[in-house]
Amino acid sequence: MKHDWVVWLGCALLLCVGAIWGAIPIGTDFFKVKDIHDLFEIFSSVATILAVGVAMIGVNAWRHQVSGEADHALAHRVAVAALRYKETSRTAYNDAQFAVTQFHFGIAELPEGLVERFIVPMERRLQKNQDSKAEFLAILLEARAIWGADFSNKYNELLNLTENFNSCLRSFFRWVRTNDGDHNAEVYSTMLQRHYDEFLKNEWLIKTATQVPEFDELTKEADMDLQRRLFRST
Protein backbone atom coordinates (compact mmCIF):
# COMPACT_ATOMS: atom_id res chain seq x y z
CA MET A 1 0.00 0.00 0.00
CA LYS A 2 2.80 2.41 0.75
CA HIS A 3 3.95 2.14 -2.88
CA ASP A 4 0.54 3.19 -4.32
CA TRP A 5 1.80 6.72 -4.91
CA VAL A 6 4.39 5.32 -7.32
CA VAL A 7 1.64 3.66 -9.37
CA TRP A 8 -0.49 6.80 -9.41
CA LEU A 9 2.51 8.91 -10.39
CA GLY A 10 3.27 6.54 -13.26
CA CYS A 11 -0.32 6.71 -14.46
CA ALA A 12 -0.29 10.52 -14.34
CA LEU A 13 2.96 10.69 -16.30
CA LEU A 14 1.65 8.22 -18.87
CA LEU A 15 -1.47 10.37 -19.30
CA CYS A 16 0.64 13.48 -19.78
CA VAL A 17 2.85 11.79 -22.36
CA GLY A 18 -0.26 10.62 -24.24
CA ALA A 19 -1.68 14.12 -24.26
CA ILE A 20 1.57 15.63 -25.51
CA TRP A 21 1.97 12.99 -28.20
CA GLY A 22 -1.60 13.50 -29.32
CA ALA A 23 -1.07 17.23 -29.64
CA ILE A 24 1.88 16.83 -32.01
CA PRO A 25 0.68 17.21 -35.58
CA ILE A 26 1.90 14.37 -37.73
CA GLY A 27 1.02 14.43 -41.38
CA THR A 28 -0.08 11.38 -43.25
CA ASP A 29 3.02 11.65 -45.40
CA PHE A 30 5.07 10.63 -42.35
CA PHE A 31 4.04 7.02 -42.87
CA LYS A 32 4.54 7.00 -46.67
CA VAL A 33 7.68 5.79 -48.43
CA LYS A 34 8.65 8.34 -51.05
CA ASP A 35 10.84 6.11 -53.21
CA ILE A 36 12.70 2.80 -53.35
CA HIS A 37 15.78 4.44 -51.84
CA ASP A 38 13.89 5.31 -48.64
CA LEU A 39 12.49 1.78 -48.54
CA PHE A 40 15.99 0.28 -48.63
CA GLU A 41 17.10 2.67 -45.91
CA ILE A 42 14.22 1.49 -43.75
CA PHE A 43 15.14 -2.14 -44.38
CA SER A 44 18.79 -1.33 -43.64
CA SER A 45 17.89 0.33 -40.35
CA VAL A 46 15.69 -2.60 -39.32
CA ALA A 47 18.45 -5.05 -40.27
CA THR A 48 20.96 -3.07 -38.22
CA ILE A 49 18.67 -3.13 -35.19
CA LEU A 50 18.14 -6.87 -35.58
CA ALA A 51 21.88 -7.44 -35.98
CA VAL A 52 22.57 -5.48 -32.79
CA GLY A 53 19.93 -7.53 -30.98
CA VAL A 54 21.40 -10.82 -32.21
CA ALA A 55 24.89 -9.64 -31.25
CA MET A 56 23.73 -8.75 -27.75
CA ILE A 57 22.14 -12.17 -27.37
CA GLY A 58 25.38 -13.79 -28.59
CA VAL A 59 27.51 -11.75 -26.20
CA ASN A 60 25.29 -12.68 -23.26
CA ALA A 61 25.45 -16.35 -24.22
CA TRP A 62 29.24 -16.12 -24.55
CA ARG A 63 29.53 -14.48 -21.15
CA HIS A 64 27.39 -17.19 -19.61
CA GLN A 65 29.49 -19.90 -21.24
CA VAL A 66 32.79 -18.33 -20.15
CA SER A 67 31.46 -17.85 -16.62
CA GLY A 68 30.31 -21.47 -16.52
CA GLU A 69 33.68 -22.75 -17.75
CA ALA A 70 35.56 -20.64 -15.19
CA ASP A 71 33.24 -21.85 -12.41
CA HIS A 72 33.74 -25.46 -13.49
CA ALA A 73 37.53 -25.05 -13.57
CA LEU A 74 37.58 -23.53 -10.08
CA ALA A 75 35.30 -26.24 -8.70
CA HIS A 76 37.56 -28.91 -10.20
CA ARG A 77 40.68 -27.34 -8.66
CA VAL A 78 39.04 -27.05 -5.25
CA ALA A 79 37.85 -30.68 -5.40
CA VAL A 80 41.35 -31.95 -6.24
CA ALA A 81 43.00 -29.76 -3.60
CA ALA A 82 40.47 -30.82 -0.96
CA LEU A 83 41.07 -34.50 -1.70
CA ARG A 84 44.83 -33.96 -1.51
CA TYR A 85 44.50 -32.10 1.78
CA LYS A 86 42.37 -34.88 3.25
CA GLU A 87 45.18 -37.30 2.49
CA THR A 88 47.55 -34.86 4.19
CA SER A 89 45.24 -34.85 7.20
CA ARG A 90 45.27 -38.63 7.38
CA THR A 91 49.06 -38.63 7.31
CA ALA A 92 49.12 -36.11 10.16
CA TYR A 93 46.69 -38.32 12.08
CA ASN A 94 48.89 -41.40 11.70
CA ASP A 95 51.98 -39.54 12.88
CA ALA A 96 50.11 -37.94 15.79
CA GLN A 97 48.78 -41.34 16.85
CA PHE A 98 52.35 -42.66 16.90
CA ALA A 99 53.49 -39.60 18.86
CA VAL A 100 50.92 -39.82 21.66
CA THR A 101 51.45 -43.58 21.94
CA GLN A 102 55.20 -43.13 22.39
CA PHE A 103 54.57 -40.33 24.88
CA HIS A 104 52.30 -42.60 26.90
CA PHE A 105 55.10 -45.13 27.33
CA GLY A 106 57.37 -42.38 28.67
CA ILE A 107 60.59 -40.89 27.41
CA ALA A 108 62.69 -43.48 29.21
CA GLU A 109 61.03 -46.24 27.21
CA LEU A 110 61.67 -44.70 23.81
CA PRO A 111 63.51 -47.17 21.57
CA GLU A 112 67.10 -46.47 20.63
CA GLY A 113 67.49 -44.62 17.34
CA LEU A 114 63.91 -43.29 17.45
CA VAL A 115 64.91 -39.81 16.34
CA GLU A 116 66.89 -40.92 13.30
CA ARG A 117 64.51 -43.66 12.19
CA PHE A 118 61.14 -42.05 12.93
CA ILE A 119 61.28 -38.43 14.07
CA VAL A 120 63.26 -37.01 11.16
CA PRO A 121 60.93 -38.54 8.50
CA MET A 122 57.94 -37.34 10.54
CA GLU A 123 59.37 -33.82 10.56
CA ARG A 124 59.70 -33.94 6.78
CA ARG A 125 56.09 -35.07 6.45
CA LEU A 126 54.99 -32.28 8.78
CA GLN A 127 56.73 -29.75 6.54
CA LYS A 128 54.97 -31.23 3.50
CA ASN A 129 51.70 -30.97 5.41
CA GLN A 130 52.33 -27.28 6.04
CA ASP A 131 53.13 -26.72 2.35
CA SER A 132 49.96 -28.58 1.36
CA LYS A 133 47.95 -26.47 3.77
CA ALA A 134 49.35 -23.26 2.26
CA GLU A 135 48.38 -24.41 -1.25
CA PHE A 136 44.92 -25.43 -0.10
CA LEU A 137 44.35 -22.12 1.68
CA ALA A 138 45.40 -20.24 -1.47
CA ILE A 139 42.76 -22.08 -3.53
CA LEU A 140 40.15 -21.56 -0.80
CA LEU A 141 40.97 -17.85 -0.84
CA GLU A 142 40.20 -17.75 -4.56
CA ALA A 143 36.95 -19.66 -3.98
CA ARG A 144 36.09 -17.24 -1.18
CA ALA A 145 36.52 -14.29 -3.55
CA ILE A 146 34.29 -15.89 -6.22
CA TRP A 147 31.72 -17.87 -4.22
CA GLY A 148 31.76 -16.09 -0.88
CA ALA A 149 32.87 -17.02 2.61
CA ASP A 150 30.03 -19.49 3.21
CA PHE A 151 31.69 -22.07 0.97
CA SER A 152 35.29 -21.73 2.18
CA ASN A 153 34.14 -21.80 5.83
CA LYS A 154 32.86 -25.34 5.27
CA TYR A 155 36.47 -26.55 5.46
CA ASN A 156 37.27 -24.80 8.74
CA GLU A 157 36.60 -27.86 10.90
CA LEU A 158 38.89 -30.05 8.80
CA LEU A 159 41.60 -27.38 8.88
CA ASN A 160 41.28 -27.08 12.66
CA LEU A 161 41.41 -30.85 13.11
CA THR A 162 44.55 -31.20 11.00
CA GLU A 163 46.21 -28.28 12.76
CA ASN A 164 45.47 -30.04 16.05
CA PHE A 165 47.39 -33.09 14.84
CA ASN A 166 50.25 -30.90 13.63
CA SER A 167 50.38 -29.13 16.99
CA CYS A 168 50.62 -32.52 18.67
CA LEU A 169 53.56 -33.43 16.45
CA ARG A 170 55.41 -30.18 17.14
CA SER A 171 55.02 -30.73 20.87
CA PHE A 172 56.25 -34.32 20.51
CA PHE A 173 59.35 -33.29 18.57
CA ARG A 174 60.27 -30.77 21.25
CA TRP A 175 59.50 -33.22 24.06
CA VAL A 176 61.74 -35.91 22.56
CA ARG A 177 64.66 -33.51 22.32
CA THR A 178 64.37 -31.99 25.79
CA ASN A 179 67.41 -32.39 28.02
CA ASP A 180 67.38 -33.36 31.68
CA GLY A 181 66.33 -30.42 33.79
CA ASP A 182 64.78 -28.53 30.87
CA HIS A 183 61.96 -26.45 32.35
CA ASN A 184 59.99 -26.70 29.09
CA ALA A 185 59.71 -30.48 29.38
CA GLU A 186 56.74 -30.19 31.72
CA VAL A 187 55.00 -27.80 29.31
CA TYR A 188 55.41 -30.23 26.41
CA SER A 189 54.29 -33.12 28.59
CA THR A 190 51.13 -31.28 29.56
CA MET A 191 50.31 -30.53 25.94
CA LEU A 192 50.96 -34.12 24.86
CA GLN A 193 48.85 -35.45 27.72
CA ARG A 194 45.99 -33.29 26.47
CA HIS A 195 46.40 -34.71 22.98
CA TYR A 196 46.60 -38.25 24.34
CA ASP A 197 43.35 -37.75 26.27
CA GLU A 198 41.67 -36.50 23.11
CA PHE A 199 42.83 -39.56 21.15
CA LEU A 200 41.61 -41.78 23.97
CA LYS A 201 38.24 -40.06 24.14
CA ASN A 202 37.62 -40.33 20.38
CA GLU A 203 38.92 -43.91 20.24
CA TRP A 204 41.58 -42.80 17.78
CA LEU A 205 44.26 -44.91 19.48
CA ILE A 206 42.76 -48.10 18.05
CA LYS A 207 41.77 -46.85 14.59
CA THR A 208 43.67 -46.34 11.37
CA ALA A 209 43.24 -43.14 9.38
CA THR A 210 40.86 -44.83 6.92
CA GLN A 211 38.64 -45.89 9.85
CA VAL A 212 38.22 -42.33 11.15
CA PRO A 213 34.96 -40.91 9.73
CA GLU A 214 35.73 -37.30 10.66
CA PHE A 215 37.81 -36.67 7.54
CA ASP A 216 34.82 -37.28 5.29
CA GLU A 217 32.07 -36.12 7.64
CA LEU A 218 33.61 -32.70 8.20
CA THR A 219 33.67 -31.97 4.46
CA LYS A 220 30.40 -33.67 3.44
CA GLU A 221 28.55 -30.37 2.98
CA ALA A 222 31.43 -28.86 1.00
CA ASP A 223 31.69 -31.99 -1.17
CA MET A 224 27.98 -31.82 -2.01
CA ASP A 225 28.31 -28.13 -2.86
CA LEU A 226 31.23 -28.88 -5.19
CA GLN A 227 29.27 -31.62 -6.96
CA ARG A 228 26.39 -29.23 -7.59
CA ARG A 229 28.76 -26.63 -9.01
CA LEU A 230 30.49 -29.18 -11.23
CA PHE A 231 27.24 -30.53 -12.65
CA ARG A 232 25.64 -27.10 -13.01
CA SER A 233 28.56 -25.67 -14.98
CA THR A 234 28.84 -28.58 -17.45
C-alpha atoms as a PDB file:
ATOM      1  CA  MET A   1       0.000   0.000   0.000  1.00  0.00           C
ATOM      2  CA  LYS A   2       2.798   2.406   0.750  1.00  0.00           C
ATOM      3  CA  HIS A   3       3.953   2.141  -2.884  1.00  0.00           C
ATOM      4  CA  ASP A   4       0.542   3.191  -4.322  1.00  0.00           C
ATOM      5  CA  TRP A   5       1.802   6.720  -4.911  1.00  0.00           C
ATOM      6  CA  VAL A   6       4.387   5.318  -7.316  1.00  0.00           C
ATOM      7  CA  VAL A   7       1.641   3.659  -9.372  1.00  0.00           C
ATOM      8  CA  TRP A   8      -0.489   6.803  -9.412  1.00  0.00           C
ATOM      9  CA  LEU A   9       2.514   8.911 -10.387  1.00  0.00           C
ATOM     10  CA  GLY A  10       3.273   6.542 -13.264  1.00  0.00           C
ATOM     11  CA  CYS A  11      -0.323   6.709 -14.461  1.00  0.00           C
ATOM     12  CA  ALA A  12      -0.286  10.516 -14.345  1.00  0.00           C
ATOM     13  CA  LEU A  13       2.964  10.695 -16.304  1.00  0.00           C
ATOM     14  CA  LEU A  14       1.655   8.222 -18.874  1.00  0.00           C
ATOM     15  CA  LEU A  15      -1.471  10.370 -19.302  1.00  0.00           C
ATOM     16  CA  CYS A  16       0.640  13.484 -19.779  1.00  0.00           C
ATOM     17  CA  VAL A  17       2.847  11.790 -22.355  1.00  0.00           C
ATOM     18  CA  GLY A  18      -0.256  10.618 -24.244  1.00  0.00           C
ATOM     19  CA  ALA A  19      -1.682  14.119 -24.256  1.00  0.00           C
ATOM     20  CA  ILE A  20       1.569  15.631 -25.507  1.00  0.00           C
ATOM     21  CA  TRP A  21       1.968  12.990 -28.200  1.00  0.00           C
ATOM     22  CA  GLY A  22      -1.605  13.495 -29.324  1.00  0.00           C
ATOM     23  CA  ALA A  23      -1.069  17.229 -29.641  1.00  0.00           C
ATOM     24  CA  ILE A  24       1.877  16.830 -32.009  1.00  0.00           C
ATOM     25  CA  PRO A  25       0.676  17.214 -35.581  1.00  0.00           C
ATOM     26  CA  ILE A  26       1.901  14.369 -37.734  1.00  0.00           C
ATOM     27  CA  GLY A  27       1.019  14.427 -41.384  1.00  0.00           C
ATOM     28  CA  THR A  28      -0.083  11.378 -43.249  1.00  0.00           C
ATOM     29  CA  ASP A  29       3.025  11.652 -45.400  1.00  0.00           C
ATOM     30  CA  PHE A  30       5.073  10.630 -42.351  1.00  0.00           C
ATOM     31  CA  PHE A  31       4.044   7.019 -42.874  1.00  0.00           C
ATOM     32  CA  LYS A  32       4.544   7.001 -46.668  1.00  0.00           C
ATOM     33  CA  VAL A  33       7.684   5.791 -48.428  1.00  0.00           C
ATOM     34  CA  LYS A  34       8.655   8.340 -51.052  1.00  0.00           C
ATOM     35  CA  ASP A  35      10.841   6.113 -53.213  1.00  0.00           C
ATOM     36  CA  ILE A  36      12.701   2.799 -53.346  1.00  0.00           C
ATOM     37  CA  HIS A  37      15.784   4.444 -51.835  1.00  0.00           C
ATOM     38  CA  ASP A  38      13.887   5.308 -48.636  1.00  0.00           C
ATOM     39  CA  LEU A  39      12.491   1.777 -48.539  1.00  0.00           C
ATOM     40  CA  PHE A  40      15.990   0.284 -48.627  1.00  0.00           C
ATOM     41  CA  GLU A  41      17.102   2.669 -45.912  1.00  0.00           C
ATOM     42  CA  ILE A  42      14.224   1.494 -43.745  1.00  0.00           C
ATOM     43  CA  PHE A  43      15.138  -2.137 -44.378  1.00  0.00           C
ATOM     44  CA  SER A  44      18.788  -1.331 -43.641  1.00  0.00           C
ATOM     45  CA  SER A  45      17.887   0.334 -40.347  1.00  0.00           C
ATOM     46  CA  VAL A  46      15.688  -2.602 -39.325  1.00  0.00           C
ATOM     47  CA  ALA A  47      18.453  -5.055 -40.272  1.00  0.00           C
ATOM     48  CA  THR A  48      20.956  -3.073 -38.218  1.00  0.00           C
ATOM     49  CA  ILE A  49      18.673  -3.126 -35.190  1.00  0.00           C
ATOM     50  CA  LEU A  50      18.136  -6.872 -35.581  1.00  0.00           C
ATOM     51  CA  ALA A  51      21.881  -7.442 -35.984  1.00  0.00           C
ATOM     52  CA  VAL A  52      22.571  -5.484 -32.787  1.00  0.00           C
ATOM     53  CA  GLY A  53      19.930  -7.530 -30.983  1.00  0.00           C
ATOM     54  CA  VAL A  54      21.402 -10.822 -32.213  1.00  0.00           C
ATOM     55  CA  ALA A  55      24.892  -9.640 -31.254  1.00  0.00           C
ATOM     56  CA  MET A  56      23.730  -8.748 -27.751  1.00  0.00           C
ATOM     57  CA  ILE A  57      22.141 -12.172 -27.367  1.00  0.00           C
ATOM     58  CA  GLY A  58      25.379 -13.789 -28.594  1.00  0.00           C
ATOM     59  CA  VAL A  59      27.510 -11.747 -26.200  1.00  0.00           C
ATOM     60  CA  ASN A  60      25.287 -12.676 -23.256  1.00  0.00           C
ATOM     61  CA  ALA A  61      25.449 -16.350 -24.223  1.00  0.00           C
ATOM     62  CA  TRP A  62      29.239 -16.125 -24.550  1.00  0.00           C
ATOM     63  CA  ARG A  63      29.534 -14.479 -21.152  1.00  0.00           C
ATOM     64  CA  HIS A  64      27.386 -17.188 -19.606  1.00  0.00           C
ATOM     65  CA  GLN A  65      29.495 -19.898 -21.244  1.00  0.00           C
ATOM     66  CA  VAL A  66      32.789 -18.334 -20.146  1.00  0.00           C
ATOM     67  CA  SER A  67      31.463 -17.852 -16.616  1.00  0.00           C
ATOM     68  CA  GLY A  68      30.310 -21.470 -16.521  1.00  0.00           C
ATOM     69  CA  GLU A  69      33.678 -22.754 -17.751  1.00  0.00           C
ATOM     70  CA  ALA A  70      35.560 -20.643 -15.191  1.00  0.00           C
ATOM     71  CA  ASP A  71      33.244 -21.846 -12.409  1.00  0.00           C
ATOM     72  CA  HIS A  72      33.739 -25.464 -13.486  1.00  0.00           C
ATOM     73  CA  ALA A  73      37.527 -25.046 -13.574  1.00  0.00           C
ATOM     74  CA  LEU A  74      37.580 -23.529 -10.083  1.00  0.00           C
ATOM     75  CA  ALA A  75      35.297 -26.239  -8.698  1.00  0.00           C
ATOM     76  CA  HIS A  76      37.559 -28.914 -10.199  1.00  0.00           C
ATOM     77  CA  ARG A  77      40.679 -27.339  -8.664  1.00  0.00           C
ATOM     78  CA  VAL A  78      39.038 -27.049  -5.250  1.00  0.00           C
ATOM     79  CA  ALA A  79      37.852 -30.676  -5.404  1.00  0.00           C
ATOM     80  CA  VAL A  80      41.345 -31.953  -6.244  1.00  0.00           C
ATOM     81  CA  ALA A  81      43.003 -29.758  -3.605  1.00  0.00           C
ATOM     82  CA  ALA A  82      40.474 -30.818  -0.961  1.00  0.00           C
ATOM     83  CA  LEU A  83      41.073 -34.502  -1.704  1.00  0.00           C
ATOM     84  CA  ARG A  84      44.835 -33.962  -1.509  1.00  0.00           C
ATOM     85  CA  TYR A  85      44.496 -32.100   1.781  1.00  0.00           C
ATOM     86  CA  LYS A  86      42.367 -34.879   3.250  1.00  0.00           C
ATOM     87  CA  GLU A  87      45.177 -37.304   2.494  1.00  0.00           C
ATOM     88  CA  THR A  88      47.549 -34.865   4.193  1.00  0.00           C
ATOM     89  CA  SER A  89      45.240 -34.845   7.202  1.00  0.00           C
ATOM     90  CA  ARG A  90      45.266 -38.631   7.381  1.00  0.00           C
ATOM     91  CA  THR A  91      49.065 -38.625   7.312  1.00  0.00           C
ATOM     92  CA  ALA A  92      49.117 -36.110  10.156  1.00  0.00           C
ATOM     93  CA  TYR A  93      46.690 -38.318  12.083  1.00  0.00           C
ATOM     94  CA  ASN A  94      48.885 -41.402  11.702  1.00  0.00           C
ATOM     95  CA  ASP A  95      51.981 -39.539  12.884  1.00  0.00           C
ATOM     96  CA  ALA A  96      50.106 -37.943  15.788  1.00  0.00           C
ATOM     97  CA  GLN A  97      48.782 -41.339  16.845  1.00  0.00           C
ATOM     98  CA  PHE A  98      52.346 -42.661  16.903  1.00  0.00           C
ATOM     99  CA  ALA A  99      53.488 -39.596  18.865  1.00  0.00           C
ATOM    100  CA  VAL A 100      50.916 -39.823  21.664  1.00  0.00           C
ATOM    101  CA  THR A 101      51.452 -43.582  21.940  1.00  0.00           C
ATOM    102  CA  GLN A 102      55.199 -43.130  22.392  1.00  0.00           C
ATOM    103  CA  PHE A 103      54.575 -40.329  24.876  1.00  0.00           C
ATOM    104  CA  HIS A 104      52.295 -42.597  26.899  1.00  0.00           C
ATOM    105  CA  PHE A 105      55.098 -45.130  27.328  1.00  0.00           C
ATOM    106  CA  GLY A 106      57.366 -42.381  28.668  1.00  0.00           C
ATOM    107  CA  ILE A 107      60.585 -40.888  27.412  1.00  0.00           C
ATOM    108  CA  ALA A 108      62.688 -43.476  29.214  1.00  0.00           C
ATOM    109  CA  GLU A 109      61.031 -46.241  27.213  1.00  0.00           C
ATOM    110  CA  LEU A 110      61.674 -44.700  23.809  1.00  0.00           C
ATOM    111  CA  PRO A 111      63.511 -47.174  21.569  1.00  0.00           C
ATOM    112  CA  GLU A 112      67.099 -46.466  20.625  1.00  0.00           C
ATOM    113  CA  GLY A 113      67.495 -44.620  17.341  1.00  0.00           C
ATOM    114  CA  LEU A 114      63.912 -43.285  17.452  1.00  0.00           C
ATOM    115  CA  VAL A 115      64.912 -39.812  16.339  1.00  0.00           C
ATOM    116  CA  GLU A 116      66.890 -40.919  13.297  1.00  0.00           C
ATOM    117  CA  ARG A 117      64.505 -43.660  12.187  1.00  0.00           C
ATOM    118  CA  PHE A 118      61.139 -42.047  12.925  1.00  0.00           C
ATOM    119  CA  ILE A 119      61.280 -38.434  14.069  1.00  0.00           C
ATOM    120  CA  VAL A 120      63.262 -37.013  11.161  1.00  0.00           C
ATOM    121  CA  PRO A 121      60.933 -38.542   8.495  1.00  0.00           C
ATOM    122  CA  MET A 122      57.944 -37.339  10.537  1.00  0.00           C
ATOM    123  CA  GLU A 123      59.368 -33.824  10.561  1.00  0.00           C
ATOM    124  CA  ARG A 124      59.701 -33.945   6.780  1.00  0.00           C
ATOM    125  CA  ARG A 125      56.088 -35.071   6.448  1.00  0.00           C
ATOM    126  CA  LEU A 126      54.990 -32.280   8.775  1.00  0.00           C
ATOM    127  CA  GLN A 127      56.726 -29.747   6.541  1.00  0.00           C
ATOM    128  CA  LYS A 128      54.972 -31.227   3.502  1.00  0.00           C
ATOM    129  CA  ASN A 129      51.705 -30.973   5.408  1.00  0.00           C
ATOM    130  CA  GLN A 130      52.333 -27.282   6.043  1.00  0.00           C
ATOM    131  CA  ASP A 131      53.127 -26.715   2.355  1.00  0.00           C
ATOM    132  CA  SER A 132      49.959 -28.582   1.356  1.00  0.00           C
ATOM    133  CA  LYS A 133      47.950 -26.466   3.768  1.00  0.00           C
ATOM    134  CA  ALA A 134      49.349 -23.259   2.263  1.00  0.00           C
ATOM    135  CA  GLU A 135      48.381 -24.408  -1.247  1.00  0.00           C
ATOM    136  CA  PHE A 136      44.919 -25.432  -0.102  1.00  0.00           C
ATOM    137  CA  LEU A 137      44.347 -22.121   1.675  1.00  0.00           C
ATOM    138  CA  ALA A 138      45.397 -20.240  -1.465  1.00  0.00           C
ATOM    139  CA  ILE A 139      42.756 -22.076  -3.531  1.00  0.00           C
ATOM    140  CA  LEU A 140      40.154 -21.556  -0.803  1.00  0.00           C
ATOM    141  CA  LEU A 141      40.966 -17.846  -0.839  1.00  0.00           C
ATOM    142  CA  GLU A 142      40.198 -17.751  -4.561  1.00  0.00           C
ATOM    143  CA  ALA A 143      36.954 -19.658  -3.981  1.00  0.00           C
ATOM    144  CA  ARG A 144      36.093 -17.244  -1.176  1.00  0.00           C
ATOM    145  CA  ALA A 145      36.524 -14.293  -3.550  1.00  0.00           C
ATOM    146  CA  ILE A 146      34.289 -15.889  -6.225  1.00  0.00           C
ATOM    147  CA  TRP A 147      31.716 -17.866  -4.223  1.00  0.00           C
ATOM    148  CA  GLY A 148      31.758 -16.087  -0.882  1.00  0.00           C
ATOM    149  CA  ALA A 149      32.866 -17.016   2.609  1.00  0.00           C
ATOM    150  CA  ASP A 150      30.032 -19.488   3.210  1.00  0.00           C
ATOM    151  CA  PHE A 151      31.690 -22.070   0.969  1.00  0.00           C
ATOM    152  CA  SER A 152      35.295 -21.727   2.185  1.00  0.00           C
ATOM    153  CA  ASN A 153      34.144 -21.797   5.826  1.00  0.00           C
ATOM    154  CA  LYS A 154      32.860 -25.343   5.272  1.00  0.00           C
ATOM    155  CA  TYR A 155      36.474 -26.550   5.456  1.00  0.00           C
ATOM    156  CA  ASN A 156      37.272 -24.801   8.743  1.00  0.00           C
ATOM    157  CA  GLU A 157      36.598 -27.858  10.900  1.00  0.00           C
ATOM    158  CA  LEU A 158      38.893 -30.046   8.802  1.00  0.00           C
ATOM    159  CA  LEU A 159      41.597 -27.379   8.884  1.00  0.00           C
ATOM    160  CA  ASN A 160      41.281 -27.083  12.662  1.00  0.00           C
ATOM    161  CA  LEU A 161      41.405 -30.855  13.110  1.00  0.00           C
ATOM    162  CA  THR A 162      44.551 -31.197  10.996  1.00  0.00           C
ATOM    163  CA  GLU A 163      46.213 -28.284  12.758  1.00  0.00           C
ATOM    164  CA  ASN A 164      45.471 -30.037  16.052  1.00  0.00           C
ATOM    165  CA  PHE A 165      47.393 -33.090  14.838  1.00  0.00           C
ATOM    166  CA  ASN A 166      50.253 -30.896  13.629  1.00  0.00           C
ATOM    167  CA  SER A 167      50.378 -29.128  16.989  1.00  0.00           C
ATOM    168  CA  CYS A 168      50.619 -32.524  18.667  1.00  0.00           C
ATOM    169  CA  LEU A 169      53.559 -33.428  16.445  1.00  0.00           C
ATOM    170  CA  ARG A 170      55.414 -30.178  17.141  1.00  0.00           C
ATOM    171  CA  SER A 171      55.023 -30.735  20.871  1.00  0.00           C
ATOM    172  CA  PHE A 172      56.251 -34.316  20.514  1.00  0.00           C
ATOM    173  CA  PHE A 173      59.353 -33.293  18.566  1.00  0.00           C
ATOM    174  CA  ARG A 174      60.267 -30.770  21.254  1.00  0.00           C
ATOM    175  CA  TRP A 175      59.505 -33.221  24.062  1.00  0.00           C
ATOM    176  CA  VAL A 176      61.738 -35.909  22.563  1.00  0.00           C
ATOM    177  CA  ARG A 177      64.662 -33.511  22.319  1.00  0.00           C
ATOM    178  CA  THR A 178      64.371 -31.988  25.795  1.00  0.00           C
ATOM    179  CA  ASN A 179      67.407 -32.392  28.021  1.00  0.00           C
ATOM    180  CA  ASP A 180      67.380 -33.363  31.678  1.00  0.00           C
ATOM    181  CA  GLY A 181      66.333 -30.418  33.789  1.00  0.00           C
ATOM    182  CA  ASP A 182      64.777 -28.532  30.872  1.00  0.00           C
ATOM    183  CA  HIS A 183      61.964 -26.445  32.355  1.00  0.00           C
ATOM    184  CA  ASN A 184      59.994 -26.702  29.093  1.00  0.00           C
ATOM    185  CA  ALA A 185      59.715 -30.481  29.378  1.00  0.00           C
ATOM    186  CA  GLU A 186      56.741 -30.186  31.718  1.00  0.00           C
ATOM    187  CA  VAL A 187      55.002 -27.803  29.311  1.00  0.00           C
ATOM    188  CA  TYR A 188      55.411 -30.233  26.409  1.00  0.00           C
ATOM    189  CA  SER A 189      54.288 -33.125  28.586  1.00  0.00           C
ATOM    190  CA  THR A 190      51.128 -31.278  29.563  1.00  0.00           C
ATOM    191  CA  MET A 191      50.308 -30.534  25.937  1.00  0.00           C
ATOM    192  CA  LEU A 192      50.960 -34.116  24.864  1.00  0.00           C
ATOM    193  CA  GLN A 193      48.850 -35.453  27.718  1.00  0.00           C
ATOM    194  CA  ARG A 194      45.987 -33.290  26.475  1.00  0.00           C
ATOM    195  CA  HIS A 195      46.396 -34.711  22.978  1.00  0.00           C
ATOM    196  CA  TYR A 196      46.599 -38.246  24.335  1.00  0.00           C
ATOM    197  CA  ASP A 197      43.348 -37.751  26.265  1.00  0.00           C
ATOM    198  CA  GLU A 198      41.675 -36.499  23.112  1.00  0.00           C
ATOM    199  CA  PHE A 199      42.826 -39.563  21.154  1.00  0.00           C
ATOM    200  CA  LEU A 200      41.614 -41.780  23.969  1.00  0.00           C
ATOM    201  CA  LYS A 201      38.236 -40.056  24.137  1.00  0.00           C
ATOM    202  CA  ASN A 202      37.623 -40.328  20.384  1.00  0.00           C
ATOM    203  CA  GLU A 203      38.920 -43.908  20.239  1.00  0.00           C
ATOM    204  CA  TRP A 204      41.584 -42.800  17.782  1.00  0.00           C
ATOM    205  CA  LEU A 205      44.256 -44.908  19.481  1.00  0.00           C
ATOM    206  CA  ILE A 206      42.761 -48.096  18.048  1.00  0.00           C
ATOM    207  CA  LYS A 207      41.769 -46.851  14.586  1.00  0.00           C
ATOM    208  CA  THR A 208      43.671 -46.339  11.372  1.00  0.00           C
ATOM    209  CA  ALA A 209      43.240 -43.140   9.381  1.00  0.00           C
ATOM    210  CA  THR A 210      40.864 -44.834   6.924  1.00  0.00           C
ATOM    211  CA  GLN A 211      38.642 -45.886   9.846  1.00  0.00           C
ATOM    212  CA  VAL A 212      38.224 -42.331  11.149  1.00  0.00           C
ATOM    213  CA  PRO A 213      34.959 -40.909   9.728  1.00  0.00           C
ATOM    214  CA  GLU A 214      35.731 -37.304  10.658  1.00  0.00           C
ATOM    215  CA  PHE A 215      37.808 -36.671   7.541  1.00  0.00           C
ATOM    216  CA  ASP A 216      34.816 -37.282   5.293  1.00  0.00           C
ATOM    217  CA  GLU A 217      32.066 -36.117   7.638  1.00  0.00           C
ATOM    218  CA  LEU A 218      33.611 -32.698   8.196  1.00  0.00           C
ATOM    219  CA  THR A 219      33.669 -31.972   4.459  1.00  0.00           C
ATOM    220  CA  LYS A 220      30.405 -33.667   3.445  1.00  0.00           C
ATOM    221  CA  GLU A 221      28.553 -30.369   2.979  1.00  0.00           C
ATOM    222  CA  ALA A 222      31.431 -28.859   0.997  1.00  0.00           C
ATOM    223  CA  ASP A 223      31.690 -31.987  -1.167  1.00  0.00           C
ATOM    224  CA  MET A 224      27.978 -31.823  -2.010  1.00  0.00           C
ATOM    225  CA  ASP A 225      28.313 -28.134  -2.864  1.00  0.00           C
ATOM    226  CA  LEU A 226      31.229 -28.881  -5.188  1.00  0.00           C
ATOM    227  CA  GLN A 227      29.266 -31.620  -6.957  1.00  0.00           C
ATOM    228  CA  ARG A 228      26.394 -29.229  -7.587  1.00  0.00           C
ATOM    229  CA  ARG A 229      28.762 -26.626  -9.014  1.00  0.00           C
ATOM    230  CA  LEU A 230      30.490 -29.177 -11.234  1.00  0.00           C
ATOM    231  CA  PHE A 231      27.243 -30.532 -12.650  1.00  0.00           C
ATOM    232  CA  ARG A 232      25.636 -27.100 -13.006  1.00  0.00           C
ATOM    233  CA  SER A 233      28.565 -25.669 -14.984  1.00  0.00           C
ATOM    234  CA  THR A 234      28.839 -28.582 -17.445  1.00  0.00           C
END
